[in-house]
Amino acid sequence: MDSANGTGVKEFILLGFEVGQQIRSLLLIFFTILYVLTLVENITIITLVFRDTHLARLPMYILLSNFSWIEMCYVSATVPRMLFDLTSLRGIISFRNCFLQFYIFFALGSTECFYLSAMALDRYLAICHPLRYPQIMSPSSCYGLVGSCWVIGFLWYLVPAVLISRLSFCSSNVINHFLCDAGPILSLACPPLGVAPIISQFCLNALIIGNMFFVMLSYSTVVNTLMKTSSQGSRMKAFSTISFHLLVVFLFYGSVAGMYLIPGGENQSAITKAVTLFYTAVTPFLNPMIYCLRNDQVKAALVRLLKGKGSV
């Protein structure tokens, strides 16, 4: 992406966390442990679904195992670089690597938005159309849905990323963030900025609002169906599953919407860094526990795996 850069900028400087060395060391230790635990959690879920023949046939767990792949990629797009910069006071990143991180970060975020919608669709079909659910959400359909989320997610923000990378950058090359994000990069660009900021914001608004609306509509329909048709026992079990799904949706969209939809959401650097850190490092750690590790079927599969027994 750097070939069209109209200035002599060859690198950026990521300011990261402007704290003392002792705090930097504590942050390094904490987020290293958090990153390793996040990888372990998600690898455990993927392994359980892959090894357990019962879970591997269920659409919800096919989707959850692939969601774990997204989470591992998402956290790995930013956290290793952040950890590296915590060990150094320089924070230098090349123009090419900065925009590569910028694009991958937004592509994976877009993929996660579509994936949360796919999981909401799965719950809607399972509860509102139980007789047709096995045919509609067959394993092949699930993998097709997964592939579609990845493809659309990586195409969604491609045009804005290319347009922003073609801007000229003047005066400063210092990014007041710990990653290459749209707002801080655009603040360094020389005017005129053309249509890049408009297209970028339009894509973000359509992505976040559209998927949030679909997710909330799906779960609202599910709740309405459960209130009308289910027995008390099955209703409580379904509500328990849905509540965990909604918690993940709230954690992700609550922070992302605050960053990219609210005017001025990216302008306060300290708040921006804290919110970004939450949805890039903390949320991927919490999601496996919320979605799977409290689930009875997952617990049973984990016991079978630890005992060396396959599922029948």
C-alpha atoms as a PDB file:
ATOM      1  CA  MET A   1       0.000   0.000   0.000  1.00  0.00           C
ATOM      2  CA  ASP A   2       2.953   2.379   0.409  1.00  0.00           C
ATOM      3  CA  SER A   3       3.727   2.925  -3.258  1.00  0.00           C
ATOM      4  CA  ALA A   4       1.077   5.649  -3.637  1.00  0.00           C
ATOM      5  CA  ASN A   5       2.106   7.572  -0.515  1.00  0.00           C
ATOM      6  CA  GLY A   6       2.597  11.151  -1.721  1.00  0.00           C
ATOM      7  CA  THR A   7       5.178  12.199   0.905  1.00  0.00           C
ATOM      8  CA  GLY A   8       8.516  10.981   2.129  1.00  0.00           C
ATOM      9  CA  VAL A   9       6.977   9.246   5.146  1.00  0.00           C
ATOM     10  CA  LYS A  10       8.566   5.808   5.435  1.00  0.00           C
ATOM     11  CA  GLU A  11       7.634   5.008   9.020  1.00  0.00           C
ATOM     12  CA  PHE A  12       5.347   5.973  11.857  1.00  0.00           C
ATOM     13  CA  ILE A  13       5.961   6.160  15.584  1.00  0.00           C
ATOM     14  CA  LEU A  14       3.375   4.536  17.855  1.00  0.00           C
ATOM     15  CA  LEU A  15       3.318   6.416  21.154  1.00  0.00           C
ATOM     16  CA  GLY A  16       1.566   3.547  22.892  1.00  0.00           C
ATOM     17  CA  PHE A  17       1.106   3.926  26.659  1.00  0.00           C
ATOM     18  CA  GLU A  18       2.784   7.053  27.947  1.00  0.00           C
ATOM     19  CA  VAL A  19       3.618   5.707  31.409  1.00  0.00           C
ATOM     20  CA  GLY A  20       6.740   5.067  33.454  1.00  0.00           C
ATOM     21  CA  GLN A  21       9.002   2.061  33.002  1.00  0.00           C
ATOM     22  CA  GLN A  22       7.638   0.248  36.053  1.00  0.00           C
ATOM     23  CA  ILE A  23       4.050   0.500  34.787  1.00  0.00           C
ATOM     24  CA  ARG A  24       5.203  -0.562  31.308  1.00  0.00           C
ATOM     25  CA  SER A  25       6.782  -3.676  32.815  1.00  0.00           C
ATOM     26  CA  LEU A  26       3.590  -4.518  34.696  1.00  0.00           C
ATOM     27  CA  LEU A  27       1.528  -4.006  31.536  1.00  0.00           C
ATOM     28  CA  LEU A  28       3.928  -6.222  29.600  1.00  0.00           C
ATOM     29  CA  ILE A  29       3.610  -9.057  32.130  1.00  0.00           C
ATOM     30  CA  PHE A  30      -0.160  -8.732  32.447  1.00  0.00           C
ATOM     31  CA  PHE A  31      -0.959  -8.625  28.736  1.00  0.00           C
ATOM     32  CA  THR A  32       1.543 -11.362  27.910  1.00  0.00           C
ATOM     33  CA  ILE A  33      -0.233 -13.666  30.349  1.00  0.00           C
ATOM     34  CA  LEU A  34      -3.630 -12.537  29.036  1.00  0.00           C
ATOM     35  CA  TYR A  35      -2.574 -13.168  25.424  1.00  0.00           C
ATOM     36  CA  VAL A  36      -1.266 -16.665  26.198  1.00  0.00           C
ATOM     37  CA  LEU A  37      -4.435 -17.541  28.135  1.00  0.00           C
ATOM     38  CA  THR A  38      -6.569 -16.256  25.254  1.00  0.00           C
ATOM     39  CA  LEU A  39      -4.744 -18.512  22.798  1.00  0.00           C
ATOM     40  CA  VAL A  40      -4.997 -21.503  25.167  1.00  0.00           C
ATOM     41  CA  GLU A  41      -8.750 -20.993  25.697  1.00  0.00           C
ATOM     42  CA  ASN A  42      -9.533 -20.721  22.007  1.00  0.00           C
ATOM     43  CA  ILE A  43      -7.235 -23.584  20.991  1.00  0.00           C
ATOM     44  CA  THR A  44      -8.966 -25.714  23.638  1.00  0.00           C
ATOM     45  CA  ILE A  45     -12.390 -24.980  22.127  1.00  0.00           C
ATOM     46  CA  ILE A  46     -11.192 -25.708  18.589  1.00  0.00           C
ATOM     47  CA  THR A  47      -9.595 -28.971  19.752  1.00  0.00           C
ATOM     48  CA  LEU A  48     -12.712 -30.044  21.644  1.00  0.00           C
ATOM     49  CA  VAL A  49     -14.990 -29.504  18.653  1.00  0.00           C
ATOM     50  CA  PHE A  50     -12.538 -31.152  16.274  1.00  0.00           C
ATOM     51  CA  ARG A  51     -11.929 -34.209  18.483  1.00  0.00           C
ATOM     52  CA  ASP A  52     -15.478 -34.711  19.772  1.00  0.00           C
ATOM     53  CA  THR A  53     -17.609 -36.257  17.031  1.00  0.00           C
ATOM     54  CA  HIS A  54     -20.845 -35.204  18.728  1.00  0.00           C
ATOM     55  CA  LEU A  55     -19.959 -31.503  18.955  1.00  0.00           C
ATOM     56  CA  ALA A  56     -18.443 -31.548  15.460  1.00  0.00           C
ATOM     57  CA  ARG A  57     -21.894 -32.338  13.995  1.00  0.00           C
ATOM     58  CA  LEU A  58     -23.746 -29.546  15.801  1.00  0.00           C
ATOM     59  CA  PRO A  59     -24.052 -26.235  13.887  1.00  0.00           C
ATOM     60  CA  MET A  60     -23.672 -24.060  16.985  1.00  0.00           C
ATOM     61  CA  TYR A  61     -20.334 -25.640  17.876  1.00  0.00           C
ATOM     62  CA  ILE A  62     -19.083 -25.539  14.295  1.00  0.00           C
ATOM     63  CA  LEU A  63     -19.730 -21.796  14.440  1.00  0.00           C
ATOM     64  CA  LEU A  64     -18.189 -21.436  17.908  1.00  0.00           C
ATOM     65  CA  SER A  65     -14.998 -23.252  16.926  1.00  0.00           C
ATOM     66  CA  ASN A  66     -14.592 -20.996  13.898  1.00  0.00           C
ATOM     67  CA  PHE A  67     -15.354 -17.983  16.084  1.00  0.00           C
ATOM     68  CA  SER A  68     -12.367 -19.058  18.171  1.00  0.00           C
ATOM     69  CA  TRP A  69     -10.215 -18.908  15.029  1.00  0.00           C
ATOM     70  CA  ILE A  70     -11.387 -15.342  14.426  1.00  0.00           C
ATOM     71  CA  GLU A  71     -10.656 -14.373  18.022  1.00  0.00           C
ATOM     72  CA  MET A  72      -7.116 -15.780  17.855  1.00  0.00           C
ATOM     73  CA  CYS A  73      -6.430 -13.930  14.609  1.00  0.00           C
ATOM     74  CA  TYR A  74      -8.001 -10.728  15.928  1.00  0.00           C
ATOM     75  CA  VAL A  75      -5.986 -10.630  19.137  1.00  0.00           C
ATOM     76  CA  SER A  76      -2.803 -11.618  17.272  1.00  0.00           C
ATOM     77  CA  ALA A  77      -3.203  -8.723  14.837  1.00  0.00           C
ATOM     78  CA  THR A  78      -2.524  -6.156  17.569  1.00  0.00           C
ATOM     79  CA  VAL A  79      -1.349  -7.592  20.900  1.00  0.00           C
ATOM     80  CA  PRO A  80       2.061  -9.029  19.849  1.00  0.00           C
ATOM     81  CA  ARG A  81       3.003  -5.659  18.338  1.00  0.00           C
ATOM     82  CA  MET A  82       1.807  -3.893  21.487  1.00  0.00           C
ATOM     83  CA  LEU A  83       3.889  -6.228  23.660  1.00  0.00           C
ATOM     84  CA  PHE A  84       6.922  -5.602  21.468  1.00  0.00           C
ATOM     85  CA  ASP A  85       6.497  -1.829  21.812  1.00  0.00           C
ATOM     86  CA  LEU A  86       6.198  -2.140  25.601  1.00  0.00           C
ATOM     87  CA  THR A  87       9.746  -3.516  25.622  1.00  0.00           C
ATOM     88  CA  SER A  88      11.016  -0.570  23.573  1.00  0.00           C
ATOM     89  CA  LEU A  89      10.667   3.181  23.953  1.00  0.00           C
ATOM     90  CA  ARG A  90      10.832   3.803  20.210  1.00  0.00           C
ATOM     91  CA  GLY A  91       7.617   2.258  18.808  1.00  0.00           C
ATOM     92  CA  ILE A  92       8.755   2.620  15.208  1.00  0.00           C
ATOM     93  CA  ILE A  93       6.652   0.846  12.564  1.00  0.00           C
ATOM     94  CA  SER A  94       7.165   1.058   8.816  1.00  0.00           C
ATOM     95  CA  PHE A  95       4.557   2.657   6.552  1.00  0.00           C
ATOM     96  CA  ARG A  96       3.816  -0.697   4.924  1.00  0.00           C
ATOM     97  CA  ASN A  97       3.530  -2.613   8.201  1.00  0.00           C
ATOM     98  CA  CYS A  98       1.354   0.093   9.729  1.00  0.00           C
ATOM     99  CA  PHE A  99      -1.184  -0.080   6.926  1.00  0.00           C
ATOM    100  CA  LEU A 100      -0.984  -3.857   6.830  1.00  0.00           C
ATOM    101  CA  GLN A 101      -1.913  -3.942  10.528  1.00  0.00           C
ATOM    102  CA  PHE A 102      -4.574  -1.293   9.921  1.00  0.00           C
ATOM    103  CA  TYR A 103      -6.232  -3.306   7.151  1.00  0.00           C
ATOM    104  CA  ILE A 104      -6.023  -6.696   8.908  1.00  0.00           C
ATOM    105  CA  PHE A 105      -7.333  -5.172  12.140  1.00  0.00           C
ATOM    106  CA  PHE A 106     -10.409  -3.741  10.398  1.00  0.00           C
ATOM    107  CA  ALA A 107     -10.895  -6.793   8.159  1.00  0.00           C
ATOM    108  CA  LEU A 108     -10.956  -9.129  11.173  1.00  0.00           C
ATOM    109  CA  GLY A 109     -13.219  -6.728  13.066  1.00  0.00           C
ATOM    110  CA  SER A 110     -15.605  -6.686  10.101  1.00  0.00           C
ATOM    111  CA  THR A 111     -15.473 -10.488   9.928  1.00  0.00           C
ATOM    112  CA  GLU A 112     -16.366 -10.685  13.628  1.00  0.00           C
ATOM    113  CA  CYS A 113     -19.356  -8.377  13.090  1.00  0.00           C
ATOM    114  CA  PHE A 114     -20.713 -10.623  10.335  1.00  0.00           C
ATOM    115  CA  TYR A 115     -19.933 -13.698  12.400  1.00  0.00           C
ATOM    116  CA  LEU A 116     -21.937 -12.452  15.370  1.00  0.00           C
ATOM    117  CA  SER A 117     -24.843 -12.000  12.946  1.00  0.00           C
ATOM    118  CA  ALA A 118     -24.331 -15.555  11.663  1.00  0.00           C
ATOM    119  CA  MET A 119     -24.479 -16.886  15.223  1.00  0.00           C
ATOM    120  CA  ALA A 120     -27.636 -14.884  15.891  1.00  0.00           C
ATOM    121  CA  LEU A 121     -29.133 -16.364  12.715  1.00  0.00           C
ATOM    122  CA  ASP A 122     -28.241 -19.842  13.953  1.00  0.00           C
ATOM    123  CA  ARG A 123     -30.072 -19.311  17.253  1.00  0.00           C
ATOM    124  CA  TYR A 124     -33.058 -17.801  15.426  1.00  0.00           C
ATOM    125  CA  LEU A 125     -33.375 -20.809  13.126  1.00  0.00           C
ATOM    126  CA  ALA A 126     -32.819 -23.315  15.955  1.00  0.00           C
ATOM    127  CA  ILE A 127     -35.555 -21.847  18.170  1.00  0.00           C
ATOM    128  CA  CYS A 128     -38.025 -20.305  15.737  1.00  0.00           C
ATOM    129  CA  HIS A 129     -37.827 -22.993  13.015  1.00  0.00           C
ATOM    130  CA  PRO A 130     -36.750 -26.182  14.831  1.00  0.00           C
ATOM    131  CA  LEU A 131     -38.219 -28.622  12.283  1.00  0.00           C
ATOM    132  CA  ARG A 132     -36.396 -27.050   9.335  1.00  0.00           C
ATOM    133  CA  TYR A 133     -33.233 -26.234  11.309  1.00  0.00           C
ATOM    134  CA  PRO A 134     -31.311 -29.506  10.586  1.00  0.00           C
ATOM    135  CA  GLN A 135     -31.819 -29.089   6.842  1.00  0.00           C
ATOM    136  CA  ILE A 136     -31.109 -25.352   6.730  1.00  0.00           C
ATOM    137  CA  MET A 137     -28.076 -25.446   9.039  1.00  0.00           C
ATOM    138  CA  SER A 138     -26.396 -28.594   7.769  1.00  0.00           C
ATOM    139  CA  PRO A 139     -22.606 -28.837   8.284  1.00  0.00           C
ATOM    140  CA  SER A 140     -22.016 -27.819   4.663  1.00  0.00           C
ATOM    141  CA  SER A 141     -24.296 -24.795   5.111  1.00  0.00           C
ATOM    142  CA  CYS A 142     -22.441 -23.850   8.282  1.00  0.00           C
ATOM    143  CA  TYR A 143     -19.064 -23.935   6.564  1.00  0.00           C
ATOM    144  CA  GLY A 144     -20.505 -21.960   3.664  1.00  0.00           C
ATOM    145  CA  LEU A 145     -21.774 -19.352   6.128  1.00  0.00           C
ATOM    146  CA  VAL A 146     -18.362 -19.271   7.818  1.00  0.00           C
ATOM    147  CA  GLY A 147     -16.579 -18.781   4.497  1.00  0.00           C
ATOM    148  CA  SER A 148     -18.970 -16.016   3.499  1.00  0.00           C
ATOM    149  CA  CYS A 149     -18.271 -14.121   6.723  1.00  0.00           C
ATOM    150  CA  TRP A 150     -14.521 -14.283   6.098  1.00  0.00           C
ATOM    151  CA  VAL A 151     -14.776 -13.202   2.456  1.00  0.00           C
ATOM    152  CA  ILE A 152     -17.228 -10.334   3.050  1.00  0.00           C
ATOM    153  CA  GLY A 153     -15.321  -9.242   6.149  1.00  0.00           C
ATOM    154  CA  PHE A 154     -12.026  -8.931   4.292  1.00  0.00           C
ATOM    155  CA  LEU A 155     -13.633  -7.141   1.348  1.00  0.00           C
ATOM    156  CA  TRP A 156     -15.743  -4.747   3.429  1.00  0.00           C
ATOM    157  CA  TYR A 157     -13.051  -2.276   4.455  1.00  0.00           C
ATOM    158  CA  LEU A 158     -10.642  -2.821   1.545  1.00  0.00           C
ATOM    159  CA  VAL A 159     -11.596   0.324  -0.403  1.00  0.00           C
ATOM    160  CA  PRO A 160     -11.335   2.715   2.601  1.00  0.00           C
ATOM    161  CA  ALA A 161      -7.997   1.169   3.598  1.00  0.00           C
ATOM    162  CA  VAL A 162      -6.575   1.667   0.097  1.00  0.00           C
ATOM    163  CA  LEU A 163      -7.902   5.242  -0.121  1.00  0.00           C
ATOM    164  CA  ILE A 164      -6.400   6.186   3.257  1.00  0.00           C
ATOM    165  CA  SER A 165      -3.053   4.606   2.355  1.00  0.00           C
ATOM    166  CA  ARG A 166      -2.904   6.823  -0.768  1.00  0.00           C
ATOM    167  CA  LEU A 167      -3.169  10.055   1.228  1.00  0.00           C
ATOM    168  CA  SER A 168      -0.167  12.332   1.763  1.00  0.00           C
ATOM    169  CA  PHE A 169       1.162  12.731   5.306  1.00  0.00           C
ATOM    170  CA  CYS A 170       2.696  15.995   6.458  1.00  0.00           C
ATOM    171  CA  SER A 171       4.461  17.490   9.480  1.00  0.00           C
ATOM    172  CA  SER A 172       4.165  14.641  11.996  1.00  0.00           C
ATOM    173  CA  ASN A 173       4.446  10.869  11.752  1.00  0.00           C
ATOM    174  CA  VAL A 174       3.598  10.254  15.408  1.00  0.00           C
ATOM    175  CA  ILE A 175       0.454   8.147  16.015  1.00  0.00           C
ATOM    176  CA  ASN A 176      -0.939   8.704  19.502  1.00  0.00           C
ATOM    177  CA  HIS A 177      -2.092   5.104  19.865  1.00  0.00           C
ATOM    178  CA  PHE A 178      -0.680   1.616  20.380  1.00  0.00           C
ATOM    179  CA  LEU A 179      -1.916   0.442  16.963  1.00  0.00           C
ATOM    180  CA  CYS A 180      -2.544   1.850  13.504  1.00  0.00           C
ATOM    181  CA  ASP A 181      -6.194   2.944  13.667  1.00  0.00           C
ATOM    182  CA  ALA A 182      -8.223   5.003  11.191  1.00  0.00           C
ATOM    183  CA  GLY A 183      -8.764   8.130  13.299  1.00  0.00           C
ATOM    184  CA  PRO A 184      -5.140   8.720  14.371  1.00  0.00           C
ATOM    185  CA  ILE A 185      -3.872   8.003  10.841  1.00  0.00           C
ATOM    186  CA  LEU A 186      -6.359  10.403   9.221  1.00  0.00           C
ATOM    187  CA  SER A 187      -5.362  13.115  11.713  1.00  0.00           C
ATOM    188  CA  LEU A 188      -1.842  13.019  10.255  1.00  0.00           C
ATOM    189  CA  ALA A 189      -2.929  13.278   6.614  1.00  0.00           C
ATOM    190  CA  CYS A 190      -2.458  16.478   4.609  1.00  0.00           C
ATOM    191  CA  PRO A 191      -5.602  18.163   3.276  1.00  0.00           C
ATOM    192  CA  PRO A 192      -7.473  17.759   1.061  1.00  0.00           C
ATOM    193  CA  LEU A 193      -8.486  14.336   2.309  1.00  0.00           C
ATOM    194  CA  GLY A 194     -10.965  13.753  -0.500  1.00  0.00           C
ATOM    195  CA  VAL A 195     -13.612  11.081  -0.026  1.00  0.00           C
ATOM    196  CA  ALA A 196     -11.483   8.746   2.135  1.00  0.00           C
ATOM    197  CA  PRO A 197     -12.900   9.837   5.541  1.00  0.00           C
ATOM    198  CA  ILE A 198     -16.478   9.834   4.190  1.00  0.00           C
ATOM    199  CA  ILE A 199     -16.226   6.351   2.675  1.00  0.00           C
ATOM    200  CA  SER A 200     -14.437   5.057   5.772  1.00  0.00           C
ATOM    201  CA  GLN A 201     -17.153   6.350   8.110  1.00  0.00           C
ATOM    202  CA  PHE A 202     -19.936   5.139   5.825  1.00  0.00           C
ATOM    203  CA  CYS A 203     -18.483   1.614   5.770  1.00  0.00           C
ATOM    204  CA  LEU A 204     -18.100   1.602   9.569  1.00  0.00           C
ATOM    205  CA  ASN A 205     -21.623   2.937  10.146  1.00  0.00           C
ATOM    206  CA  ALA A 206     -23.202   0.439   7.751  1.00  0.00           C
ATOM    207  CA  LEU A 207     -21.174  -2.427   9.228  1.00  0.00           C
ATOM    208  CA  ILE A 208     -21.863  -1.728  12.885  1.00  0.00           C
ATOM    209  CA  ILE A 209     -25.445  -0.432  12.688  1.00  0.00           C
ATOM    210  CA  GLY A 210     -26.540  -3.018  10.119  1.00  0.00           C
ATOM    211  CA  ASN A 211     -25.168  -5.985  12.051  1.00  0.00           C
ATOM    212  CA  MET A 212     -26.340  -4.642  15.414  1.00  0.00           C
ATOM    213  CA  PHE A 213     -29.854  -4.249  14.019  1.00  0.00           C
ATOM    214  CA  PHE A 214     -29.835  -7.791  12.577  1.00  0.00           C
ATOM    215  CA  VAL A 215     -28.537  -9.296  15.820  1.00  0.00           C
ATOM    216  CA  MET A 216     -31.054  -7.484  18.017  1.00  0.00           C
ATOM    217  CA  LEU A 217     -33.922  -8.294  15.637  1.00  0.00           C
ATOM    218  CA  SER A 218     -32.956 -11.978  15.632  1.00  0.00           C
ATOM    219  CA  TYR A 219     -32.706 -12.269  19.402  1.00  0.00           C
ATOM    220  CA  SER A 220     -35.883 -10.231  19.925  1.00  0.00           C
ATOM    221  CA  THR A 221     -37.749 -12.681  17.694  1.00  0.00           C
ATOM    222  CA  VAL A 222     -36.186 -15.594  19.584  1.00  0.00           C
ATOM    223  CA  VAL A 223     -37.257 -14.179  22.959  1.00  0.00           C
ATOM    224  CA  ASN A 224     -40.771 -13.538  21.678  1.00  0.00           C
ATOM    225  CA  THR A 225     -41.017 -17.113  20.352  1.00  0.00           C
ATOM    226  CA  LEU A 226     -39.786 -18.575  23.642  1.00  0.00           C
ATOM    227  CA  MET A 227     -42.294 -16.598  25.667  1.00  0.00           C
ATOM    228  CA  LYS A 228     -45.155 -17.924  23.530  1.00  0.00           C
ATOM    229  CA  THR A 229     -44.311 -21.557  22.889  1.00  0.00           C
ATOM    230  CA  SER A 230     -41.752 -23.038  25.272  1.00  0.00           C
ATOM    231  CA  SER A 231     -42.265 -24.909  28.511  1.00  0.00           C
ATOM    232  CA  GLN A 232     -40.683 -23.308  31.575  1.00  0.00           C
ATOM    233  CA  GLY A 233     -37.753 -25.753  31.666  1.00  0.00           C
ATOM    234  CA  SER A 234     -36.762 -25.450  28.012  1.00  0.00           C
ATOM    235  CA  ARG A 235     -37.413 -21.710  28.152  1.00  0.00           C
ATOM    236  CA  MET A 236     -34.923 -21.227  30.986  1.00  0.00           C
ATOM    237  CA  LYS A 237     -32.291 -23.319  29.207  1.00  0.00           C
ATOM    238  CA  ALA A 238     -32.717 -21.344  25.988  1.00  0.00           C
ATOM    239  CA  PHE A 239     -32.674 -18.024  27.847  1.00  0.00           C
ATOM    240  CA  SER A 240     -29.438 -19.057  29.539  1.00  0.00           C
ATOM    241  CA  THR A 241     -27.761 -19.723  26.170  1.00  0.00           C
ATOM    242  CA  ILE A 242     -29.097 -16.532  24.607  1.00  0.00           C
ATOM    243  CA  SER A 243     -28.060 -14.399  27.581  1.00  0.00           C
ATOM    244  CA  PHE A 244     -24.438 -15.485  27.109  1.00  0.00           C
ATOM    245  CA  HIS A 245     -24.634 -14.685  23.402  1.00  0.00           C
ATOM    246  CA  LEU A 246     -26.103 -11.253  24.140  1.00  0.00           C
ATOM    247  CA  LEU A 247     -23.366 -10.570  26.695  1.00  0.00           C
ATOM    248  CA  VAL A 248     -20.713 -11.146  24.016  1.00  0.00           C
ATOM    249  CA  VAL A 249     -22.635  -8.903  21.613  1.00  0.00           C
ATOM    250  CA  PHE A 250     -22.906  -6.177  24.249  1.00  0.00           C
ATOM    251  CA  LEU A 251     -19.200  -6.321  25.142  1.00  0.00           C
ATOM    252  CA  PHE A 252     -18.119  -6.095  21.501  1.00  0.00           C
ATOM    253  CA  TYR A 253     -20.627  -3.635  20.055  1.00  0.00           C
ATOM    254  CA  GLY A 254     -20.773  -1.472  23.181  1.00  0.00           C
ATOM    255  CA  SER A 255     -17.074  -0.629  22.935  1.00  0.00           C
ATOM    256  CA  VAL A 256     -16.882  -0.558  19.121  1.00  0.00           C
ATOM    257  CA  ALA A 257     -19.943   1.683  18.739  1.00  0.00           C
ATOM    258  CA  GLY A 258     -18.566   4.081  21.346  1.00  0.00           C
ATOM    259  CA  MET A 259     -15.342   4.321  19.368  1.00  0.00           C
ATOM    260  CA  TYR A 260     -16.553   4.609  15.793  1.00  0.00           C
ATOM    261  CA  LEU A 261     -20.179   5.812  15.852  1.00  0.00           C
ATOM    262  CA  ILE A 262     -20.271   8.503  18.547  1.00  0.00           C
ATOM    263  CA  PRO A 263     -18.926  11.841  17.239  1.00  0.00           C
ATOM    264  CA  GLY A 264     -15.559  12.575  18.844  1.00  0.00           C
ATOM    265  CA  GLY A 265     -15.265   9.019  20.130  1.00  0.00           C
ATOM    266  CA  GLU A 266     -11.699   8.764  18.833  1.00  0.00           C
ATOM    267  CA  ASN A 267     -10.504  12.199  19.913  1.00  0.00           C
ATOM    268  CA  GLN A 268      -9.643  11.546  23.577  1.00  0.00           C
ATOM    269  CA  SER A 269      -6.452   9.534  23.383  1.00  0.00           C
ATOM    270  CA  ALA A 270      -6.478   8.018  26.892  1.00  0.00           C
ATOM    271  CA  ILE A 271     -10.090   6.851  26.600  1.00  0.00           C
ATOM    272  CA  THR A 272      -9.498   5.668  23.034  1.00  0.00           C
ATOM    273  CA  LYS A 273      -6.555   3.508  24.106  1.00  0.00           C
ATOM    274  CA  ALA A 274      -8.473   2.034  27.055  1.00  0.00           C
ATOM    275  CA  VAL A 275     -11.554   1.176  24.980  1.00  0.00           C
ATOM    276  CA  THR A 276      -9.483  -0.224  22.106  1.00  0.00           C
ATOM    277  CA  LEU A 277      -7.467  -2.297  24.548  1.00  0.00           C
ATOM    278  CA  PHE A 278     -10.685  -3.698  25.968  1.00  0.00           C
ATOM    279  CA  TYR A 279     -12.148  -4.962  22.694  1.00  0.00           C
ATOM    280  CA  THR A 280      -8.827  -6.071  21.182  1.00  0.00           C
ATOM    281  CA  ALA A 281      -7.242  -7.826  24.176  1.00  0.00           C
ATOM    282  CA  VAL A 282      -9.762  -8.335  26.989  1.00  0.00           C
ATOM    283  CA  THR A 283     -12.904  -9.313  25.057  1.00  0.00           C
ATOM    284  CA  PRO A 284     -11.200 -12.174  23.121  1.00  0.00           C
ATOM    285  CA  PHE A 285     -10.123 -13.537  26.523  1.00  0.00           C
ATOM    286  CA  LEU A 286     -13.637 -13.318  27.989  1.00  0.00           C
ATOM    287  CA  ASN A 287     -15.583 -14.652  24.991  1.00  0.00           C
ATOM    288  CA  PRO A 288     -14.516 -18.334  25.263  1.00  0.00           C
ATOM    289  CA  MET A 289     -15.506 -18.412  28.930  1.00  0.00           C
ATOM    290  CA  ILE A 290     -18.832 -16.737  28.220  1.00  0.00           C
ATOM    291  CA  TYR A 291     -19.703 -18.820  25.162  1.00  0.00           C
ATOM    292  CA  CYS A 292     -18.272 -22.254  25.802  1.00  0.00           C
ATOM    293  CA  LEU A 293     -16.427 -23.007  28.996  1.00  0.00           C
ATOM    294  CA  ARG A 294     -19.616 -22.601  31.068  1.00  0.00           C
ATOM    295  CA  ASN A 295     -21.527 -24.861  28.655  1.00  0.00           C
ATOM    296  CA  ASP A 296     -22.438 -28.353  29.917  1.00  0.00           C
ATOM    297  CA  GLN A 297     -21.817 -30.028  26.543  1.00  0.00           C
ATOM    298  CA  VAL A 298     -18.402 -28.414  26.294  1.00  0.00           C
ATOM    299  CA  LYS A 299     -17.565 -29.445  29.865  1.00  0.00           C
ATOM    300  CA  ALA A 300     -18.577 -33.029  29.088  1.00  0.00           C
ATOM    301  CA  ALA A 301     -16.450 -33.028  25.922  1.00  0.00           C
ATOM    302  CA  LEU A 302     -13.499 -31.646  27.894  1.00  0.00           C
ATOM    303  CA  VAL A 303     -13.839 -34.451  30.451  1.00  0.00           C
ATOM    304  CA  ARG A 304     -13.916 -37.036  27.653  1.00  0.00           C
ATOM    305  CA  LEU A 305     -10.861 -35.468  26.048  1.00  0.00           C
ATOM    306  CA  LEU A 306      -8.919 -35.454  29.306  1.00  0.00           C
ATOM    307  CA  LYS A 307      -9.846 -39.102  29.887  1.00  0.00           C
ATOM    308  CA  GLY A 308      -8.761 -39.961  26.348  1.00  0.00           C
ATOM    309  CA  LYS A 309     -12.207 -41.082  25.259  1.00  0.00           C
ATOM    310  CA  GLY A 310     -13.846 -40.080  21.987  1.00  0.00           C
ATOM    311  CA  SER A 311     -17.492 -39.185  21.738  1.00  0.00           C
ATOM    312  CA  VAL A 312     -19.824 -41.726  20.275  1.00  0.00           C
END
